């Protein structure tokens, strides 16, 4: 994320519901927490489409082992994989807006989260 200022527009807005704040600071905080919990993550872009000022990708992420707290779930050491979709609007050569979805169901199920059990109950 050392290049965040180079690739994200100063007025960047994020529409993902898991973001603490819908701006670059929120994005950086979210990425930092995920990378700390899953330091060996290996994302693979499995599809990408670009049209006009929009770019869309589908991602398969091999998260490696869960090694730190993630969304309130203490480290489990379990191996985690998940899928993601992302839509970015590019303005002035920088990412200005983002809509995305991370399959939290896959992550919570693998980690044995009680939060998932509460949702399914």
PDB file of N, CA and C in Angstrom:
ATOM      1  N   UNK A   1       0.817  -1.198   0.000  1.00  0.00           N
ATOM      2  CA  UNK A   1       0.000   0.000   0.000  1.00  0.00           C
ATOM      3  C   UNK A   1       0.860   1.261   0.000  1.00  0.00           C
ATOM      4  N   UNK A   2       2.161   1.086  -0.169  1.00  0.00           N
ATOM      5  CA  UNK A   2       3.046   2.245  -0.207  1.00  0.00           C
ATOM      6  C   UNK A   2       2.791   3.134  -1.420  1.00  0.00           C
ATOM      7  N   UNK A   3       2.081   2.631  -2.419  1.00  0.00           N
ATOM      8  CA  UNK A   3       1.782   3.427  -3.609  1.00  0.00           C
ATOM      9  C   UNK A   3       0.353   3.961  -3.600  1.00  0.00           C
ATOM     10  N   UNK A   4      -0.310   3.908  -2.461  1.00  0.00           N
ATOM     11  CA  UNK A   4      -1.720   4.323  -2.373  1.00  0.00           C
ATOM     12  C   UNK A   4      -1.938   5.732  -2.906  1.00  0.00           C
ATOM     13  N   UNK A   5      -1.065   6.659  -2.581  1.00  0.00           N
ATOM     14  CA  UNK A   5      -1.236   8.032  -3.050  1.00  0.00           C
ATOM     15  C   UNK A   5      -1.100   8.140  -4.565  1.00  0.00           C
ATOM     16  N   UNK A   6      -0.331   7.236  -5.156  1.00  0.00           N
ATOM     17  CA  UNK A   6      -0.132   7.253  -6.601  1.00  0.00           C
ATOM     18  C   UNK A   6      -1.325   6.675  -7.356  1.00  0.00           C
ATOM     19  N   UNK A   7      -2.035   5.713  -6.765  1.00  0.00           N
ATOM     20  CA  UNK A   7      -3.094   5.028  -7.519  1.00  0.00           C
ATOM     21  C   UNK A   7      -4.514   5.377  -7.079  1.00  0.00           C
ATOM     22  N   UNK A   8      -4.678   5.940  -5.881  1.00  0.00           N
ATOM     23  CA  UNK A   8      -6.017   6.293  -5.407  1.00  0.00           C
ATOM     24  C   UNK A   8      -6.218   7.803  -5.456  1.00  0.00           C
ATOM     25  N   UNK A   9      -7.312   8.213  -6.042  1.00  0.00           N
ATOM     26  CA  UNK A   9      -7.694   9.620  -6.165  1.00  0.00           C
ATOM     27  C   UNK A   9      -7.847  10.233  -4.775  1.00  0.00           C
ATOM     28  N   UNK A  10      -7.507  11.502  -4.590  1.00  0.00           N
ATOM     29  CA  UNK A  10      -7.664  12.144  -3.276  1.00  0.00           C
ATOM     30  C   UNK A  10      -9.110  12.097  -2.749  1.00  0.00           C
ATOM     31  N   UNK A  11     -10.086  12.074  -3.664  1.00  0.00           N
ATOM     32  CA  UNK A  11     -11.499  12.024  -3.264  1.00  0.00           C
ATOM     33  C   UNK A  11     -12.060  10.604  -3.326  1.00  0.00           C
ATOM     34  N   UNK A  12     -11.190   9.598  -3.184  1.00  0.00           N
ATOM     35  CA  UNK A  12     -11.601   8.190  -3.241  1.00  0.00           C
ATOM     36  C   UNK A  12     -12.741   7.912  -2.261  1.00  0.00           C
ATOM     37  N   UNK A  13     -13.712   7.118  -2.741  1.00  0.00           N
ATOM     38  CA  UNK A  13     -14.808   6.686  -1.881  1.00  0.00           C
ATOM     39  C   UNK A  13     -15.014   5.188  -2.066  1.00  0.00           C
ATOM     40  N   UNK A  14     -15.201   4.501  -0.955  1.00  0.00           N
ATOM     41  CA  UNK A  14     -15.392   3.052  -0.973  1.00  0.00           C
ATOM     42  C   UNK A  14     -16.787   2.718  -0.484  1.00  0.00           C
ATOM     43  N   UNK A  15     -17.482   1.885  -1.239  1.00  0.00           N
ATOM     44  CA  UNK A  15     -18.856   1.525  -0.914  1.00  0.00           C
ATOM     45  C   UNK A  15     -18.985   0.146  -0.274  1.00  0.00           C
ATOM     46  N   UNK A  16     -17.871  -0.464   0.117  1.00  0.00           N
ATOM     47  CA  UNK A  16     -17.954  -1.783   0.768  1.00  0.00           C
ATOM     48  C   UNK A  16     -18.485  -1.611   2.187  1.00  0.00           C
ATOM     49  N   UNK A  17     -19.456  -2.418   2.576  1.00  0.00           N
ATOM     50  CA  UNK A  17     -20.054  -2.252   3.903  1.00  0.00           C
ATOM     51  C   UNK A  17     -19.130  -2.590   5.065  1.00  0.00           C
ATOM     52  N   UNK A  18     -18.033  -3.310   4.815  1.00  0.00           N
ATOM     53  CA  UNK A  18     -17.139  -3.670   5.924  1.00  0.00           C
ATOM     54  C   UNK A  18     -16.103  -2.595   6.224  1.00  0.00           C
ATOM     55  N   UNK A  19     -16.080  -1.529   5.435  1.00  0.00           N
ATOM     56  CA  UNK A  19     -15.096  -0.481   5.637  1.00  0.00           C
ATOM     57  C   UNK A  19     -15.442   0.349   6.873  1.00  0.00           C
ATOM     58  N   UNK A  20     -14.433   0.627   7.687  1.00  0.00           N
ATOM     59  CA  UNK A  20     -14.647   1.463   8.869  1.00  0.00           C
ATOM     60  C   UNK A  20     -15.011   2.890   8.471  1.00  0.00           C
ATOM     61  N   UNK A  21     -14.298   3.422   7.482  1.00  0.00           N
ATOM     62  CA  UNK A  21     -14.634   4.718   6.901  1.00  0.00           C
ATOM     63  C   UNK A  21     -14.543   4.550   5.384  1.00  0.00           C
ATOM     64  N   UNK A  22     -15.370   5.272   4.623  1.00  0.00           N
ATOM     65  CA  UNK A  22     -15.432   5.050   3.171  1.00  0.00           C
ATOM     66  C   UNK A  22     -14.406   5.850   2.367  1.00  0.00           C
ATOM     67  N   UNK A  23     -13.174   5.926   2.857  1.00  0.00           N
ATOM     68  CA  UNK A  23     -12.152   6.724   2.192  1.00  0.00           C
ATOM     69  C   UNK A  23     -10.833   5.960   2.119  1.00  0.00           C
ATOM     70  N   UNK A  24      -9.775   6.626   1.648  1.00  0.00           N
ATOM     71  CA  UNK A  24      -8.470   5.950   1.528  1.00  0.00           C
ATOM     72  C   UNK A  24      -7.976   5.449   2.878  1.00  0.00           C
ATOM     73  N   UNK A  25      -8.176   6.228   3.921  1.00  0.00           N
ATOM     74  CA  UNK A  25      -7.727   5.812   5.252  1.00  0.00           C
ATOM     75  C   UNK A  25      -8.426   4.517   5.669  1.00  0.00           C
ATOM     76  N   UNK A  26      -9.727   4.413   5.401  1.00  0.00           N
ATOM     77  CA  UNK A  26     -10.474   3.201   5.724  1.00  0.00           C
ATOM     78  C   UNK A  26      -9.986   2.016   4.917  1.00  0.00           C
ATOM     79  N   UNK A  27      -9.696   2.255   3.636  1.00  0.00           N
ATOM     80  CA  UNK A  27      -9.173   1.189   2.780  1.00  0.00           C
ATOM     81  C   UNK A  27      -7.835   0.689   3.304  1.00  0.00           C
ATOM     82  N   UNK A  28      -6.940   1.614   3.599  1.00  0.00           N
ATOM     83  CA  UNK A  28      -5.611   1.233   4.086  1.00  0.00           C
ATOM     84  C   UNK A  28      -5.702   0.462   5.399  1.00  0.00           C
ATOM     85  N   UNK A  29      -6.582   0.891   6.284  1.00  0.00           N
ATOM     86  CA  UNK A  29      -6.760   0.207   7.564  1.00  0.00           C
ATOM     87  C   UNK A  29      -7.295  -1.215   7.349  1.00  0.00           C
ATOM     88  N   UNK A  30      -8.245  -1.362   6.444  1.00  0.00           N
ATOM     89  CA  UNK A  30      -8.821  -2.665   6.142  1.00  0.00           C
ATOM     90  C   UNK A  30      -7.787  -3.610   5.527  1.00  0.00           C
ATOM     91  N   UNK A  31      -7.016  -3.103   4.571  1.00  0.00           N
ATOM     92  CA  UNK A  31      -5.977  -3.919   3.934  1.00  0.00           C
ATOM     93  C   UNK A  31      -4.917  -4.310   4.952  1.00  0.00           C
ATOM     94  N   UNK A  32      -4.520  -3.377   5.802  1.00  0.00           N
ATOM     95  CA  UNK A  32      -3.509  -3.654   6.826  1.00  0.00           C
ATOM     96  C   UNK A  32      -3.979  -4.760   7.776  1.00  0.00           C
ATOM     97  N   UNK A  33      -5.239  -4.704   8.214  1.00  0.00           N
ATOM     98  CA  UNK A  33      -5.782  -5.721   9.123  1.00  0.00           C
ATOM     99  C   UNK A  33      -5.827  -7.085   8.436  1.00  0.00           C
ATOM    100  N   UNK A  34      -6.240  -7.105   7.177  1.00  0.00           N
ATOM    101  CA  UNK A  34      -6.314  -8.373   6.444  1.00  0.00           C
ATOM    102  C   UNK A  34      -4.918  -8.953   6.224  1.00  0.00           C
ATOM    103  N   UNK A  35      -3.974  -8.117   5.865  1.00  0.00           N
ATOM    104  CA  UNK A  35      -2.604  -8.608   5.628  1.00  0.00           C
ATOM    105  C   UNK A  35      -1.945  -9.093   6.923  1.00  0.00           C
ATOM    106  N   UNK A  36      -2.306  -8.484   8.039  1.00  0.00           N
ATOM    107  CA  UNK A  36      -1.768  -8.925   9.331  1.00  0.00           C
ATOM    108  C   UNK A  36      -2.359 -10.289   9.703  1.00  0.00           C
ATOM    109  N   UNK A  37      -3.651 -10.461   9.460  1.00  0.00           N
ATOM    110  CA  UNK A  37      -4.320 -11.726   9.798  1.00  0.00           C
ATOM    111  C   UNK A  37      -3.936 -12.842   8.829  1.00  0.00           C
ATOM    112  N   UNK A  38      -3.717 -12.485   7.569  1.00  0.00           N
ATOM    113  CA  UNK A  38      -3.390 -13.464   6.530  1.00  0.00           C
ATOM    114  C   UNK A  38      -2.122 -13.018   5.788  1.00  0.00           C
ATOM    115  N   UNK A  39      -0.957 -13.095   6.450  1.00  0.00           N
ATOM    116  CA  UNK A  39       0.268 -12.548   5.862  1.00  0.00           C
ATOM    117  C   UNK A  39       0.741 -13.281   4.607  1.00  0.00           C
ATOM    118  N   UNK A  40       0.280 -14.486   4.389  1.00  0.00           N
ATOM    119  CA  UNK A  40       0.717 -15.257   3.228  1.00  0.00           C
ATOM    120  C   UNK A  40      -0.309 -15.257   2.099  1.00  0.00           C
ATOM    121  N   UNK A  41      -1.262 -14.321   2.128  1.00  0.00           N
ATOM    122  CA  UNK A  41      -2.329 -14.289   1.124  1.00  0.00           C
ATOM    123  C   UNK A  41      -1.746 -14.219  -0.292  1.00  0.00           C
ATOM    124  N   UNK A  42      -2.350 -15.015  -1.181  1.00  0.00           N
ATOM    125  CA  UNK A  42      -1.945 -15.027  -2.586  1.00  0.00           C
ATOM    126  C   UNK A  42      -3.198 -14.863  -3.435  1.00  0.00           C
ATOM    127  N   UNK A  43      -3.534 -13.614  -3.778  1.00  0.00           N
ATOM    128  CA  UNK A  43      -4.713 -13.399  -4.623  1.00  0.00           C
ATOM    129  C   UNK A  43      -4.398 -13.705  -6.086  1.00  0.00           C
ATOM    130  N   UNK A  44      -5.390 -14.262  -6.769  1.00  0.00           N
ATOM    131  CA  UNK A  44      -5.244 -14.569  -8.193  1.00  0.00           C
ATOM    132  C   UNK A  44      -6.445 -13.972  -8.930  1.00  0.00           C
ATOM    133  N   UNK A  45      -6.173 -13.100  -9.875  1.00  0.00           N
ATOM    134  CA  UNK A  45      -7.253 -12.536 -10.684  1.00  0.00           C
ATOM    135  C   UNK A  45      -7.681 -13.611 -11.675  1.00  0.00           C
ATOM    136  N   UNK A  46      -8.971 -13.986 -11.624  1.00  0.00           N
ATOM    137  CA  UNK A  46      -9.461 -15.038 -12.510  1.00  0.00           C
ATOM    138  C   UNK A  46     -10.278 -14.481 -13.679  1.00  0.00           C
ATOM    139  N   UNK A  47     -10.680 -13.220 -13.585  1.00  0.00           N
ATOM    140  CA  UNK A  47     -11.369 -12.556 -14.694  1.00  0.00           C
ATOM    141  C   UNK A  47     -11.250 -11.054 -14.504  1.00  0.00           C
ATOM    142  N   UNK A  48     -11.154 -10.347 -15.614  1.00  0.00           N
ATOM    143  CA  UNK A  48     -11.136  -8.889 -15.552  1.00  0.00           C
ATOM    144  C   UNK A  48     -11.775  -8.322 -16.808  1.00  0.00           C
ATOM    145  N   UNK A  49     -12.495  -7.236 -16.620  1.00  0.00           N
ATOM    146  CA  UNK A  49     -13.191  -6.569 -17.711  1.00  0.00           C
ATOM    147  C   UNK A  49     -13.035  -5.063 -17.501  1.00  0.00           C
ATOM    148  N   UNK A  50     -12.808  -4.337 -18.582  1.00  0.00           N
ATOM    149  CA  UNK A  50     -12.728  -2.877 -18.504  1.00  0.00           C
ATOM    150  C   UNK A  50     -13.619  -2.286 -19.584  1.00  0.00           C
ATOM    151  N   UNK A  51     -14.400  -1.288 -19.196  1.00  0.00           N
ATOM    152  CA  UNK A  51     -15.253  -0.585 -20.143  1.00  0.00           C
ATOM    153  C   UNK A  51     -15.418   0.852 -19.670  1.00  0.00           C
ATOM    154  N   UNK A  52     -15.181   1.786 -20.582  1.00  0.00           N
ATOM    155  CA  UNK A  52     -15.228   3.208 -20.260  1.00  0.00           C
ATOM    156  C   UNK A  52     -14.309   3.480 -19.071  1.00  0.00           C
ATOM    157  N   UNK A  53     -14.826   4.056 -17.989  1.00  0.00           N
ATOM    158  CA  UNK A  53     -13.974   4.365 -16.837  1.00  0.00           C
ATOM    159  C   UNK A  53     -14.124   3.341 -15.706  1.00  0.00           C
ATOM    160  N   UNK A  54     -14.660   2.147 -16.026  1.00  0.00           N
ATOM    161  CA  UNK A  54     -14.847   1.098 -15.016  1.00  0.00           C
ATOM    162  C   UNK A  54     -13.952  -0.101 -15.292  1.00  0.00           C
ATOM    163  N   UNK A  55     -13.428  -0.698 -14.228  1.00  0.00           N
ATOM    164  CA  UNK A  55     -12.663  -1.930 -14.287  1.00  0.00           C
ATOM    165  C   UNK A  55     -13.283  -2.887 -13.283  1.00  0.00           C
ATOM    166  N   UNK A  56     -13.525  -4.131 -13.721  1.00  0.00           N
ATOM    167  CA  UNK A  56     -14.101  -5.144 -12.833  1.00  0.00           C
ATOM    168  C   UNK A  56     -13.178  -6.362 -12.811  1.00  0.00           C
ATOM    169  N   UNK A  57     -13.010  -6.941 -11.616  1.00  0.00           N
ATOM    170  CA  UNK A  57     -12.215  -8.166 -11.509  1.00  0.00           C
ATOM    171  C   UNK A  57     -12.908  -9.161 -10.584  1.00  0.00           C
ATOM    172  N   UNK A  58     -12.638 -10.423 -10.841  1.00  0.00           N
ATOM    173  CA  UNK A  58     -13.023 -11.507  -9.942  1.00  0.00           C
ATOM    174  C   UNK A  58     -11.725 -12.107  -9.423  1.00  0.00           C
ATOM    175  N   UNK A  59     -11.680 -12.389  -8.127  1.00  0.00           N
ATOM    176  CA  UNK A  59     -10.447 -12.838  -7.487  1.00  0.00           C
ATOM    177  C   UNK A  59     -10.698 -14.113  -6.690  1.00  0.00           C
ATOM    178  N   UNK A  60      -9.744 -15.046  -6.777  1.00  0.00           N
ATOM    179  CA  UNK A  60      -9.694 -16.188  -5.870  1.00  0.00           C
ATOM    180  C   UNK A  60      -8.499 -15.918  -4.962  1.00  0.00           C
ATOM    181  N   UNK A  61      -8.723 -15.914  -3.655  1.00  0.00           N
ATOM    182  CA  UNK A  61      -7.639 -15.626  -2.711  1.00  0.00           C
ATOM    183  C   UNK A  61      -7.321 -16.857  -1.866  1.00  0.00           C
ATOM    184  N   UNK A  62      -6.081 -17.292  -1.949  1.00  0.00           N
ATOM    185  CA  UNK A  62      -5.576 -18.305  -1.023  1.00  0.00           C
ATOM    186  C   UNK A  62      -4.970 -17.500   0.115  1.00  0.00           C
ATOM    187  N   UNK A  63      -5.701 -17.433   1.222  1.00  0.00           N
ATOM    188  CA  UNK A  63      -5.296 -16.580   2.327  1.00  0.00           C
ATOM    189  C   UNK A  63      -4.189 -17.133   3.194  1.00  0.00           C
ATOM    190  N   UNK A  64      -3.815 -18.383   2.961  1.00  0.00           N
ATOM    191  CA  UNK A  64      -2.827 -18.981   3.843  1.00  0.00           C
ATOM    192  C   UNK A  64      -3.448 -19.232   5.201  1.00  0.00           C
ATOM    193  N   UNK A  65      -2.638 -19.247   6.227  1.00  0.00           N
ATOM    194  CA  UNK A  65      -3.129 -19.522   7.579  1.00  0.00           C
ATOM    195  C   UNK A  65      -3.531 -18.238   8.295  1.00  0.00           C
ATOM    196  N   UNK A  66      -4.579 -18.342   9.076  1.00  0.00           N
ATOM    197  CA  UNK A  66      -5.125 -17.225   9.857  1.00  0.00           C
ATOM    198  C   UNK A  66      -4.219 -17.009  11.067  1.00  0.00           C
ATOM    199  N   UNK A  67      -3.412 -15.936  11.071  1.00  0.00           N
ATOM    200  CA  UNK A  67      -2.375 -15.759  12.078  1.00  0.00           C
ATOM    201  C   UNK A  67      -2.573 -14.601  13.047  1.00  0.00           C
ATOM    202  N   UNK A  68      -3.664 -13.837  12.910  1.00  0.00           N
ATOM    203  CA  UNK A  68      -3.913 -12.723  13.824  1.00  0.00           C
ATOM    204  C   UNK A  68      -5.412 -12.445  13.836  1.00  0.00           C
ATOM    205  N   UNK A  69      -5.841 -11.598  14.743  1.00  0.00           N
ATOM    206  CA  UNK A  69      -7.263 -11.265  14.862  1.00  0.00           C
ATOM    207  C   UNK A  69      -7.772 -10.704  13.539  1.00  0.00           C
ATOM    208  N   UNK A  70      -8.925 -11.192  13.096  1.00  0.00           N
ATOM    209  CA  UNK A  70      -9.567 -10.668  11.899  1.00  0.00           C
ATOM    210  C   UNK A  70     -11.055 -10.511  12.164  1.00  0.00           C
ATOM    211  N   UNK A  71     -11.529  -9.276  12.090  1.00  0.00           N
ATOM    212  CA  UNK A  71     -12.933  -8.954  12.337  1.00  0.00           C
ATOM    213  C   UNK A  71     -13.417  -9.543  13.662  1.00  0.00           C
ATOM    214  N   UNK A  72     -12.566  -9.424  14.673  1.00  0.00           N
ATOM    215  CA  UNK A  72     -12.913  -9.883  16.011  1.00  0.00           C
ATOM    216  C   UNK A  72     -12.677 -11.362  16.258  1.00  0.00           C
ATOM    217  N   UNK A  73     -12.218 -12.098  15.258  1.00  0.00           N
ATOM    218  CA  UNK A  73     -11.975 -13.537  15.404  1.00  0.00           C
ATOM    219  C   UNK A  73     -10.497 -13.754  15.710  1.00  0.00           C
ATOM    220  N   UNK A  74     -10.181 -14.309  16.893  1.00  0.00           N
ATOM    221  CA  UNK A  74      -8.780 -14.568  17.232  1.00  0.00           C
ATOM    222  C   UNK A  74      -8.135 -15.543  16.248  1.00  0.00           C
ATOM    223  N   UNK A  75      -6.826 -15.477  16.126  1.00  0.00           N
ATOM    224  CA  UNK A  75      -6.090 -16.362  15.218  1.00  0.00           C
ATOM    225  C   UNK A  75      -6.452 -17.823  15.474  1.00  0.00           C
ATOM    226  N   UNK A  76      -6.702 -18.551  14.394  1.00  0.00           N
ATOM    227  CA  UNK A  76      -7.062 -19.970  14.504  1.00  0.00           C
ATOM    228  C   UNK A  76      -5.993 -20.883  13.924  1.00  0.00           C
ATOM    229  N   UNK A  77      -5.119 -20.334  13.088  1.00  0.00           N
ATOM    230  CA  UNK A  77      -4.130 -21.151  12.400  1.00  0.00           C
ATOM    231  C   UNK A  77      -4.720 -21.914  11.222  1.00  0.00           C
ATOM    232  N   UNK A  78      -6.022 -21.794  10.998  1.00  0.00           N
ATOM    233  CA  UNK A  78      -6.674 -22.521   9.906  1.00  0.00           C
ATOM    234  C   UNK A  78      -6.335 -21.901   8.550  1.00  0.00           C
ATOM    235  N   UNK A  79      -6.267 -22.768   7.554  1.00  0.00           N
ATOM    236  CA  UNK A  79      -6.028 -22.334   6.181  1.00  0.00           C
ATOM    237  C   UNK A  79      -7.340 -21.827   5.598  1.00  0.00           C
ATOM    238  N   UNK A  80      -7.297 -20.647   4.979  1.00  0.00           N
ATOM    239  CA  UNK A  80      -8.520 -19.995   4.510  1.00  0.00           C
ATOM    240  C   UNK A  80      -8.390 -19.633   3.031  1.00  0.00           C
ATOM    241  N   UNK A  81      -9.481 -19.846   2.288  1.00  0.00           N
ATOM    242  CA  UNK A  81      -9.588 -19.366   0.919  1.00  0.00           C
ATOM    243  C   UNK A  81     -10.924 -18.644   0.779  1.00  0.00           C
ATOM    244  N   UNK A  82     -11.001 -17.716  -0.163  1.00  0.00           N
ATOM    245  CA  UNK A  82     -12.252 -17.000  -0.392  1.00  0.00           C
ATOM    246  C   UNK A  82     -12.251 -16.414  -1.800  1.00  0.00           C
ATOM    247  N   UNK A  83     -13.399 -15.863  -2.185  1.00  0.00           N
ATOM    248  CA  UNK A  83     -13.520 -15.195  -3.475  1.00  0.00           C
ATOM    249  C   UNK A  83     -13.906 -13.737  -3.250  1.00  0.00           C
ATOM    250  N   UNK A  84     -13.602 -12.917  -4.244  1.00  0.00           N
ATOM    251  CA  UNK A  84     -13.905 -11.487  -4.187  1.00  0.00           C
ATOM    252  C   UNK A  84     -14.312 -11.004  -5.574  1.00  0.00           C
ATOM    253  N   UNK A  85     -15.110  -9.946  -5.610  1.00  0.00           N
ATOM    254  CA  UNK A  85     -15.365  -9.208  -6.844  1.00  0.00           C
ATOM    255  C   UNK A  85     -15.155  -7.735  -6.540  1.00  0.00           C
ATOM    256  N   UNK A  86     -14.617  -7.011  -7.504  1.00  0.00           N
ATOM    257  CA  UNK A  86     -14.335  -5.593  -7.307  1.00  0.00           C
ATOM    258  C   UNK A  86     -14.675  -4.813  -8.575  1.00  0.00           C
ATOM    259  N   UNK A  87     -15.243  -3.631  -8.386  1.00  0.00           N
ATOM    260  CA  UNK A  87     -15.537  -2.702  -9.464  1.00  0.00           C
ATOM    261  C   UNK A  87     -14.926  -1.357  -9.092  1.00  0.00           C
ATOM    262  N   UNK A  88     -14.035  -0.870  -9.940  1.00  0.00           N
ATOM    263  CA  UNK A  88     -13.379   0.402  -9.691  1.00  0.00           C
ATOM    264  C   UNK A  88     -13.704   1.393 -10.796  1.00  0.00           C
ATOM    265  N   UNK A  89     -13.979   2.632 -10.422  1.00  0.00           N
ATOM    266  CA  UNK A  89     -14.141   3.710 -11.393  1.00  0.00           C
ATOM    267  C   UNK A  89     -12.858   4.534 -11.375  1.00  0.00           C
ATOM    268  N   UNK A  90     -12.268   4.696 -12.531  1.00  0.00           N
ATOM    269  CA  UNK A  90     -10.997   5.404 -12.662  1.00  0.00           C
ATOM    270  C   UNK A  90     -11.255   6.796 -13.233  1.00  0.00           C
ATOM    271  N   UNK A  91     -10.735   7.798 -12.545  1.00  0.00           N
ATOM    272  CA  UNK A  91     -10.859   9.192 -12.956  1.00  0.00           C
ATOM    273  C   UNK A  91      -9.481   9.836 -12.879  1.00  0.00           C
ATOM    274  N   UNK A  92      -9.118  10.573 -13.917  1.00  0.00           N
ATOM    275  CA  UNK A  92      -7.825  11.266 -13.938  1.00  0.00           C
ATOM    276  C   UNK A  92      -6.669  10.300 -13.694  1.00  0.00           C
ATOM    277  N   UNK A  93      -6.816   9.057 -14.177  1.00  0.00           N
ATOM    278  CA  UNK A  93      -5.763   8.060 -14.054  1.00  0.00           C
ATOM    279  C   UNK A  93      -5.629   7.438 -12.674  1.00  0.00           C
ATOM    280  N   UNK A  94      -6.595   7.709 -11.782  1.00  0.00           N
ATOM    281  CA  UNK A  94      -6.542   7.159 -10.426  1.00  0.00           C
ATOM    282  C   UNK A  94      -7.881   6.534 -10.050  1.00  0.00           C
ATOM    283  N   UNK A  95      -7.827   5.579  -9.142  1.00  0.00           N
ATOM    284  CA  UNK A  95      -9.049   4.923  -8.682  1.00  0.00           C
ATOM    285  C   UNK A  95      -9.815   5.893  -7.786  1.00  0.00           C
ATOM    286  N   UNK A  96     -11.039   6.228  -8.195  1.00  0.00           N
ATOM    287  CA  UNK A  96     -11.822   7.202  -7.447  1.00  0.00           C
ATOM    288  C   UNK A  96     -12.951   6.566  -6.655  1.00  0.00           C
ATOM    289  N   UNK A  97     -13.453   5.431  -7.129  1.00  0.00           N
ATOM    290  CA  UNK A  97     -14.613   4.830  -6.476  1.00  0.00           C
ATOM    291  C   UNK A  97     -14.504   3.313  -6.542  1.00  0.00           C
ATOM    292  N   UNK A  98     -15.020   2.652  -5.504  1.00  0.00           N
ATOM    293  CA  UNK A  98     -14.940   1.191  -5.437  1.00  0.00           C
ATOM    294  C   UNK A  98     -16.222   0.598  -4.878  1.00  0.00           C
ATOM    295  N   UNK A  99     -16.703  -0.419  -5.565  1.00  0.00           N
ATOM    296  CA  UNK A  99     -17.766  -1.288  -5.061  1.00  0.00           C
ATOM    297  C   UNK A  99     -17.161  -2.678  -5.047  1.00  0.00           C
ATOM    298  N   UNK A 100     -17.385  -3.424  -3.995  1.00  0.00           N
ATOM    299  CA  UNK A 100     -16.793  -4.748  -3.955  1.00  0.00           C
ATOM    300  C   UNK A 100     -17.519  -5.679  -3.014  1.00  0.00           C
ATOM    301  N   UNK A 101     -17.146  -6.940  -3.118  1.00  0.00           N
ATOM    302  CA  UNK A 101     -17.723  -7.974  -2.271  1.00  0.00           C
ATOM    303  C   UNK A 101     -16.664  -9.016  -1.979  1.00  0.00           C
ATOM    304  N   UNK A 102     -16.424  -9.244  -0.699  1.00  0.00           N
ATOM    305  CA  UNK A 102     -15.538 -10.318  -0.255  1.00  0.00           C
ATOM    306  C   UNK A 102     -16.446 -11.366   0.370  1.00  0.00           C
ATOM    307  N   UNK A 103     -16.250 -12.620   0.014  1.00  0.00           N
ATOM    308  CA  UNK A 103     -17.122 -13.670   0.531  1.00  0.00           C
ATOM    309  C   UNK A 103     -16.822 -13.931   2.005  1.00  0.00           C
ATOM    310  N   UNK A 104     -17.397 -13.077   2.844  1.00  0.00           N
ATOM    311  CA  UNK A 104     -17.196 -13.212   4.283  1.00  0.00           C
ATOM    312  C   UNK A 104     -17.761 -14.538   4.788  1.00  0.00           C
ATOM    313  N   UNK A 105     -18.775 -15.057   4.113  1.00  0.00           N
ATOM    314  CA  UNK A 105     -19.344 -16.354   4.508  1.00  0.00           C
ATOM    315  C   UNK A 105     -18.269 -17.430   4.475  1.00  0.00           C
ATOM    316  N   UNK A 106     -17.480 -17.481   3.394  1.00  0.00           N
ATOM    317  CA  UNK A 106     -16.413 -18.474   3.281  1.00  0.00           C
ATOM    318  C   UNK A 106     -15.401 -18.321   4.414  1.00  0.00           C
ATOM    319  N   UNK A 107     -15.015 -17.086   4.685  1.00  0.00           N
ATOM    320  CA  UNK A 107     -14.015 -16.831   5.719  1.00  0.00           C
ATOM    321  C   UNK A 107     -14.551 -17.229   7.095  1.00  0.00           C
ATOM    322  N   UNK A 108     -15.740 -16.743   7.442  1.00  0.00           N
ATOM    323  CA  UNK A 108     -16.317 -17.045   8.760  1.00  0.00           C
ATOM    324  C   UNK A 108     -16.576 -18.536   8.934  1.00  0.00           C
ATOM    325  N   UNK A 109     -17.025 -19.203   7.875  1.00  0.00           N
ATOM    326  CA  UNK A 109     -17.282 -20.649   7.961  1.00  0.00           C
ATOM    327  C   UNK A 109     -15.982 -21.400   8.259  1.00  0.00           C
ATOM    328  N   UNK A 110     -14.933 -21.070   7.539  1.00  0.00           N
ATOM    329  CA  UNK A 110     -13.651 -21.741   7.732  1.00  0.00           C
ATOM    330  C   UNK A 110     -13.079 -21.483   9.121  1.00  0.00           C
ATOM    331  N   UNK A 111     -13.242 -20.265   9.610  1.00  0.00           N
ATOM    332  CA  UNK A 111     -12.672 -19.911  10.910  1.00  0.00           C
ATOM    333  C   UNK A 111     -13.539 -20.377  12.075  1.00  0.00           C
ATOM    334  N   UNK A 112     -14.721 -20.929  11.788  1.00  0.00           N
ATOM    335  CA  UNK A 112     -15.601 -21.404  12.851  1.00  0.00           C
ATOM    336  C   UNK A 112     -16.182 -20.276  13.667  1.00  0.00           C
ATOM    337  N   UNK A 113     -16.436 -19.158  13.011  1.00  0.00           N
ATOM    338  CA  UNK A 113     -16.915 -17.963  13.690  1.00  0.00           C
ATOM    339  C   UNK A 113     -18.292 -18.150  14.305  1.00  0.00           C
ATOM    340  N   UNK A 114     -18.439 -17.720  15.545  1.00  0.00           N
ATOM    341  CA  UNK A 114     -19.748 -17.726  16.197  1.00  0.00           C
ATOM    342  C   UNK A 114     -20.664 -16.684  15.558  1.00  0.00           C
ATOM    343  N   UNK A 115     -20.044 -15.642  14.940  1.00  0.00           N
ATOM    344  CA  UNK A 115     -20.841 -14.627  14.249  1.00  0.00           C
ATOM    345  C   UNK A 115     -21.641 -15.279  13.125  1.00  0.00           C
ATOM    346  N   UNK A 116     -21.035 -16.212  12.412  1.00  0.00           N
ATOM    347  CA  UNK A 116     -21.738 -16.917  11.338  1.00  0.00           C
ATOM    348  C   UNK A 116     -22.853 -17.776  11.922  1.00  0.00           C
ATOM    349  N   UNK A 117     -22.579 -18.441  13.023  1.00  0.00           N
ATOM    350  CA  UNK A 117     -23.607 -19.280  13.645  1.00  0.00           C
ATOM    351  C   UNK A 117     -24.799 -18.429  14.082  1.00  0.00           C
ATOM    352  N   UNK A 118     -24.543 -17.210  14.557  1.00  0.00           N
ATOM    353  CA  UNK A 118     -25.640 -16.313  14.952  1.00  0.00           C
ATOM    354  C   UNK A 118     -26.480 -15.922  13.748  1.00  0.00           C
ATOM    355  N   UNK A 119     -25.831 -15.704  12.595  1.00  0.00           N
ATOM    356  CA  UNK A 119     -26.557 -15.316  11.394  1.00  0.00           C
ATOM    357  C   UNK A 119     -27.409 -16.473  10.904  1.00  0.00           C
ATOM    358  N   UNK A 120     -26.897 -17.672  10.967  1.00  0.00           N
ATOM    359  CA  UNK A 120     -27.602 -18.847  10.448  1.00  0.00           C
ATOM    360  C   UNK A 120     -28.681 -19.367  11.402  1.00  0.00           C
ATOM    361  N   UNK A 121     -28.639 -18.949  12.665  1.00  0.00           N
ATOM    362  CA  UNK A 121     -29.586 -19.462  13.659  1.00  0.00           C
ATOM    363  C   UNK A 121     -30.986 -18.915  13.436  1.00  0.00           C
TER     364      UNK A 121
END
